[in-house]
Amino acid sequence: MPVTTRRTPNEINKQSSLGHGGRPPELPRPTGGGGNGDGDNWANQPQGHRGPREHLSRWRRLMTVGIGSDLFFFLILILVFYNAKSSWHLNQRTLEVIGDWHPIKLPRLLWVNTAVLALSSVTVEFARRHIFYELDVIEEWLGLGRPAARRTMPWLAATVVLGSIFLVGQTMVWLQLTGKGYVFLGNPSPASYCFYLMTGLHAVHLLAGIGALVASLGGLVYLKKMESRQILVDSVAWYWHAMGLCWICLFLILEFGQ
């Protein structure tokens, strides 16, 4: 006669989880977005393997360091500006202290240039958001074309156009000021020297940004990995935002800080 043993509910659950009692063993459910079991938890990946999110985070850290260095560079330019503003010399005959700084009246075109650059920051942000748009990204991963790249391109191209308009406008401002006698060197007032130094170096940085934008447009066409295209557009967008912020600070100082 078989002996029947009573099992507690805890024992039944324990055996079920181990695959006994007619139920398969319970496996961890995928959680998505970094959970276990779906291949997205990079901490449990084989040695040396890195997921796309880690690559993006690493590039963002590198861009943060580079942008921070640029911001520090422009901070030094601002300190040079205020140091030059307080410069003076002593009249040998009257022993009178005479300030060397003579403010210059800036062309109103600088306001237009600033608005154009601010608008370009909006367009590059639209480009950055489109390259990460989830539905388009899924379609690209499934091999259904490149909708994310296709929707990103016009915004990047618009940013290139607006950035070029800004540089042309800056050139026109420089020509207006040199026509009035405000030259980079040879002017008795350091205000002229500081203006050309600050705006010129910013223009060089922005020109490099335009080159990176053009490279991003090429990358959207020729780079095969979706991850690489995302990293490229994201990095360029953050650099462009930083240069826009730098210009607004420089413009406000030049316009109201003299």
Protein backbone atom coordinates (compact mmCIF):
# COMPACT_ATOMS: atom_id res chain seq x y z
CA MET A 1 0.00 0.00 0.00
CA PRO A 2 1.62 3.31 -1.09
CA VAL A 3 2.55 5.72 1.60
CA THR A 4 1.14 9.19 1.02
CA THR A 5 3.18 12.04 2.38
CA ARG A 6 1.84 15.50 2.75
CA ARG A 7 3.92 18.32 1.28
CA THR A 8 3.75 21.85 2.45
CA PRO A 9 3.07 24.63 -0.12
CA ASN A 10 6.66 25.83 0.25
CA GLU A 11 8.00 22.41 -0.72
CA ILE A 12 5.69 22.26 -3.75
CA ASN A 13 6.84 25.67 -4.95
CA LYS A 14 10.47 24.74 -4.41
CA GLN A 15 10.14 21.54 -6.45
CA SER A 16 8.24 23.36 -9.19
CA SER A 17 10.96 25.95 -9.53
CA LEU A 18 13.51 23.14 -9.95
CA GLY A 19 11.52 21.49 -12.72
CA HIS A 20 9.70 18.77 -10.72
CA GLY A 21 5.99 18.15 -10.39
CA GLY A 22 5.10 18.61 -14.09
CA ARG A 23 6.19 22.28 -14.38
CA PRO A 24 9.28 23.49 -16.21
CA PRO A 25 11.90 25.33 -14.20
CA GLU A 26 11.21 29.03 -13.82
CA LEU A 27 13.70 31.20 -15.73
CA PRO A 28 14.38 34.89 -15.21
CA ARG A 29 12.11 36.96 -17.41
CA PRO A 30 13.63 39.52 -19.72
CA THR A 31 13.20 43.00 -18.41
CA GLY A 32 14.46 44.95 -21.41
CA GLY A 33 16.53 48.09 -21.13
CA GLY A 34 19.33 46.55 -19.11
CA GLY A 35 17.53 43.63 -17.45
CA ASN A 36 18.68 40.02 -17.31
CA GLY A 37 18.02 37.41 -19.94
CA ASP A 38 17.53 39.58 -23.00
CA GLY A 39 21.16 40.19 -23.88
CA ASP A 40 20.91 43.85 -22.93
CA ASN A 41 22.60 43.58 -19.56
CA TRP A 42 26.15 44.51 -20.57
CA ALA A 43 27.54 43.76 -17.11
CA ASN A 44 26.90 40.04 -17.78
CA GLN A 45 28.24 40.05 -21.34
CA PRO A 46 31.43 38.16 -22.25
CA GLN A 47 34.72 39.83 -21.44
CA GLY A 48 35.50 42.62 -23.90
CA HIS A 49 31.93 42.92 -25.22
CA ARG A 50 30.30 46.34 -25.03
CA GLY A 51 26.79 47.32 -25.98
CA PRO A 52 25.77 50.38 -28.01
CA ARG A 53 24.64 52.29 -24.96
CA GLU A 54 28.07 51.94 -23.38
CA HIS A 55 29.73 53.16 -26.57
CA LEU A 56 27.46 56.20 -26.62
CA SER A 57 28.14 56.93 -22.95
CA ARG A 58 31.88 56.64 -23.50
CA TRP A 59 31.80 59.08 -26.42
CA ARG A 60 29.66 61.49 -24.41
CA ARG A 61 32.23 61.42 -21.62
CA LEU A 62 34.98 62.16 -24.13
CA MET A 63 32.95 65.02 -25.60
CA THR A 64 32.34 66.39 -22.11
CA VAL A 65 36.08 66.55 -21.51
CA GLY A 66 36.74 68.18 -24.89
CA ILE A 67 33.91 70.70 -24.54
CA GLY A 68 35.00 71.47 -20.99
CA SER A 69 38.48 72.29 -22.28
CA ASP A 70 37.01 74.61 -24.90
CA LEU A 71 34.82 76.35 -22.33
CA PHE A 72 37.86 76.87 -20.12
CA PHE A 73 39.69 78.35 -23.11
CA PHE A 74 36.91 80.86 -23.71
CA LEU A 75 36.85 81.66 -20.00
CA ILE A 76 40.51 82.69 -20.31
CA LEU A 77 39.54 84.98 -23.22
CA ILE A 78 36.91 86.62 -21.03
CA LEU A 79 39.50 87.18 -18.31
CA VAL A 80 41.82 88.74 -20.90
CA PHE A 81 38.95 91.02 -21.93
CA TYR A 82 38.35 92.32 -18.42
CA ASN A 83 42.06 92.63 -17.72
CA ALA A 84 42.50 94.73 -20.87
CA LYS A 85 39.47 96.81 -19.91
CA SER A 86 41.19 97.88 -16.70
CA SER A 87 44.51 98.76 -18.37
CA TRP A 88 45.86 102.29 -18.04
CA HIS A 89 49.00 104.38 -18.49
CA LEU A 90 50.48 107.38 -16.73
CA ASN A 91 50.86 110.72 -18.47
CA GLN A 92 54.51 111.64 -17.99
CA ARG A 93 53.91 115.39 -18.02
CA THR A 94 50.76 115.70 -15.91
CA LEU A 95 51.13 112.42 -13.98
CA GLU A 96 47.49 111.77 -14.82
CA VAL A 97 46.20 108.20 -14.98
CA ILE A 98 44.62 107.62 -18.40
CA GLY A 99 42.59 104.55 -19.24
CA ASP A 100 43.59 102.68 -22.38
CA TRP A 101 40.14 101.20 -23.00
CA HIS A 102 37.89 102.98 -25.50
CA PRO A 103 34.59 101.13 -26.14
CA ILE A 104 33.64 100.47 -29.73
CA LYS A 105 30.09 100.65 -31.05
CA LEU A 106 29.23 97.22 -32.38
CA PRO A 107 27.19 96.82 -35.58
CA ARG A 108 23.57 95.74 -35.17
CA LEU A 109 24.32 92.89 -37.54
CA LEU A 110 25.75 91.03 -34.54
CA TRP A 111 22.21 90.69 -33.18
CA VAL A 112 21.09 89.07 -36.43
CA ASN A 113 24.09 86.74 -36.40
CA THR A 114 23.28 85.72 -32.83
CA ALA A 115 19.67 84.92 -33.77
CA VAL A 116 20.87 82.82 -36.71
CA LEU A 117 23.24 80.82 -34.50
CA ALA A 118 20.51 80.29 -31.91
CA LEU A 119 18.23 78.96 -34.65
CA SER A 120 20.97 76.59 -35.81
CA SER A 121 21.12 75.16 -32.30
CA VAL A 122 17.41 74.32 -32.63
CA THR A 123 17.90 72.57 -35.98
CA VAL A 124 20.84 70.50 -34.76
CA GLU A 125 18.80 69.41 -31.73
CA PHE A 126 16.02 68.23 -34.07
CA ALA A 127 18.67 66.25 -35.95
CA ARG A 128 19.94 64.69 -32.74
CA ARG A 129 16.45 63.68 -31.67
CA HIS A 130 15.55 62.19 -35.05
CA ILE A 131 18.59 59.91 -35.10
CA PHE A 132 17.37 58.38 -31.81
CA TYR A 133 13.65 58.20 -32.73
CA GLU A 134 12.68 54.73 -31.54
CA LEU A 135 10.37 53.58 -34.34
CA ASP A 136 12.78 54.68 -37.05
CA VAL A 137 15.70 53.04 -35.27
CA ILE A 138 13.80 49.75 -35.03
CA GLU A 139 13.05 49.84 -38.75
CA GLU A 140 16.73 50.38 -39.52
CA TRP A 141 17.75 47.51 -37.27
CA LEU A 142 15.23 45.30 -39.07
CA GLY A 143 16.74 46.27 -42.41
CA LEU A 144 13.72 48.27 -43.57
CA GLY A 145 15.70 51.18 -44.96
CA ARG A 146 17.20 54.12 -43.10
CA PRO A 147 14.28 56.30 -41.98
CA ALA A 148 16.20 57.78 -39.03
CA ALA A 149 19.07 58.87 -41.26
CA ARG A 150 16.68 60.16 -43.90
CA ARG A 151 14.82 62.35 -41.39
CA THR A 152 18.05 63.54 -39.75
CA MET A 153 19.76 64.75 -42.93
CA PRO A 154 17.59 67.83 -43.64
CA TRP A 155 18.09 69.15 -40.11
CA LEU A 156 21.86 68.65 -40.29
CA ALA A 157 21.94 70.34 -43.69
CA ALA A 158 19.91 73.26 -42.30
CA THR A 159 22.42 73.59 -39.46
CA VAL A 160 25.30 73.72 -41.95
CA VAL A 161 23.52 76.47 -43.90
CA LEU A 162 22.73 78.52 -40.79
CA GLY A 163 26.25 78.12 -39.44
CA SER A 164 27.66 79.29 -42.76
CA ILE A 165 25.32 82.31 -42.74
CA PHE A 166 26.60 83.15 -39.26
CA LEU A 167 30.23 83.09 -40.41
CA VAL A 168 29.41 85.23 -43.44
CA GLY A 169 27.67 87.68 -41.13
CA GLN A 170 30.69 87.78 -38.84
CA THR A 171 32.91 88.53 -41.82
CA MET A 172 30.63 91.43 -42.75
CA VAL A 173 30.88 92.77 -39.19
CA TRP A 174 34.68 92.63 -39.31
CA LEU A 175 34.69 94.48 -42.63
CA GLN A 176 32.41 97.18 -41.23
CA LEU A 177 34.64 97.72 -38.20
CA THR A 178 37.90 97.75 -40.15
CA GLY A 179 36.33 100.32 -42.48
CA LYS A 180 35.81 102.52 -39.43
CA GLY A 181 39.44 102.17 -38.37
CA TYR A 182 39.00 99.41 -35.78
CA VAL A 183 41.73 97.02 -36.80
CA PHE A 184 43.13 93.97 -35.04
CA LEU A 185 46.62 95.43 -34.52
CA GLY A 186 47.78 99.04 -34.53
CA ASN A 187 44.69 100.43 -32.77
CA PRO A 188 45.47 102.34 -29.57
CA SER A 189 42.44 100.84 -27.80
CA PRO A 190 42.63 97.21 -26.58
CA ALA A 191 38.85 96.98 -27.12
CA SER A 192 39.41 96.44 -30.83
CA TYR A 193 42.07 93.79 -30.23
CA CYS A 194 39.85 91.90 -27.75
CA PHE A 195 36.86 91.98 -30.08
CA TYR A 196 38.75 90.43 -32.99
CA LEU A 197 40.48 87.93 -30.72
CA MET A 198 37.24 86.67 -29.16
CA THR A 199 35.10 86.61 -32.28
CA GLY A 200 37.88 85.26 -34.48
CA LEU A 201 38.74 82.31 -32.25
CA HIS A 202 35.06 81.49 -31.84
CA ALA A 203 34.67 81.56 -35.64
CA VAL A 204 37.54 79.06 -35.96
CA HIS A 205 35.80 76.71 -33.53
CA LEU A 206 32.52 77.10 -35.37
CA LEU A 207 34.21 76.41 -38.71
CA ALA A 208 35.49 73.15 -37.23
CA GLY A 209 31.92 72.42 -36.15
CA ILE A 210 30.65 72.95 -39.70
CA GLY A 211 33.29 70.52 -40.93
CA ALA A 212 32.05 67.97 -38.37
CA LEU A 213 28.45 68.53 -39.50
CA VAL A 214 29.43 67.87 -43.12
CA ALA A 215 31.25 64.72 -41.98
CA SER A 216 28.08 63.66 -40.15
CA LEU A 217 26.07 64.03 -43.34
CA GLY A 218 28.56 61.76 -45.06
CA GLY A 219 28.44 59.35 -42.14
CA LEU A 220 24.67 59.03 -42.43
CA VAL A 221 25.20 57.78 -45.97
CA TYR A 222 28.34 55.66 -45.70
CA LEU A 223 28.43 54.32 -42.13
CA LYS A 224 26.79 50.90 -42.01
CA LYS A 225 26.29 50.57 -38.26
CA MET A 226 23.32 52.42 -36.80
CA GLU A 227 25.25 52.85 -33.56
CA SER A 228 28.08 54.69 -35.33
CA ARG A 229 25.68 57.10 -37.01
CA GLN A 230 23.99 57.85 -33.69
CA ILE A 231 27.29 58.51 -31.91
CA LEU A 232 28.51 60.79 -34.71
CA VAL A 233 25.38 62.95 -34.82
CA ASP A 234 25.05 63.06 -31.03
CA SER A 235 28.66 64.18 -30.51
CA VAL A 236 28.50 66.87 -33.19
CA ALA A 237 25.20 68.17 -31.82
CA TRP A 238 26.56 68.62 -28.30
CA TYR A 239 29.65 70.38 -29.63
CA TRP A 240 27.45 72.73 -31.66
CA HIS A 241 25.30 73.48 -28.61
CA ALA A 242 28.44 74.33 -26.64
CA MET A 243 29.68 76.72 -29.32
CA GLY A 244 26.28 78.40 -29.43
CA LEU A 245 26.34 78.89 -25.67
CA CYS A 246 29.89 80.25 -25.86
CA TRP A 247 28.88 82.79 -28.48
CA ILE A 248 25.90 84.05 -26.49
CA CYS A 249 28.17 84.63 -23.48
CA LEU A 250 30.81 86.38 -25.61
CA PHE A 251 28.20 88.49 -27.39
CA LEU A 252 26.59 89.67 -24.15
CA ILE A 253 30.01 90.61 -22.75
CA LEU A 254 31.01 92.47 -25.90
CA GLU A 255 27.67 94.26 -26.20
CA PHE A 256 27.02 95.17 -22.57
CA GLY A 257 30.38 94.68 -20.82
CA GLN A 258 32.33 97.50 -22.44
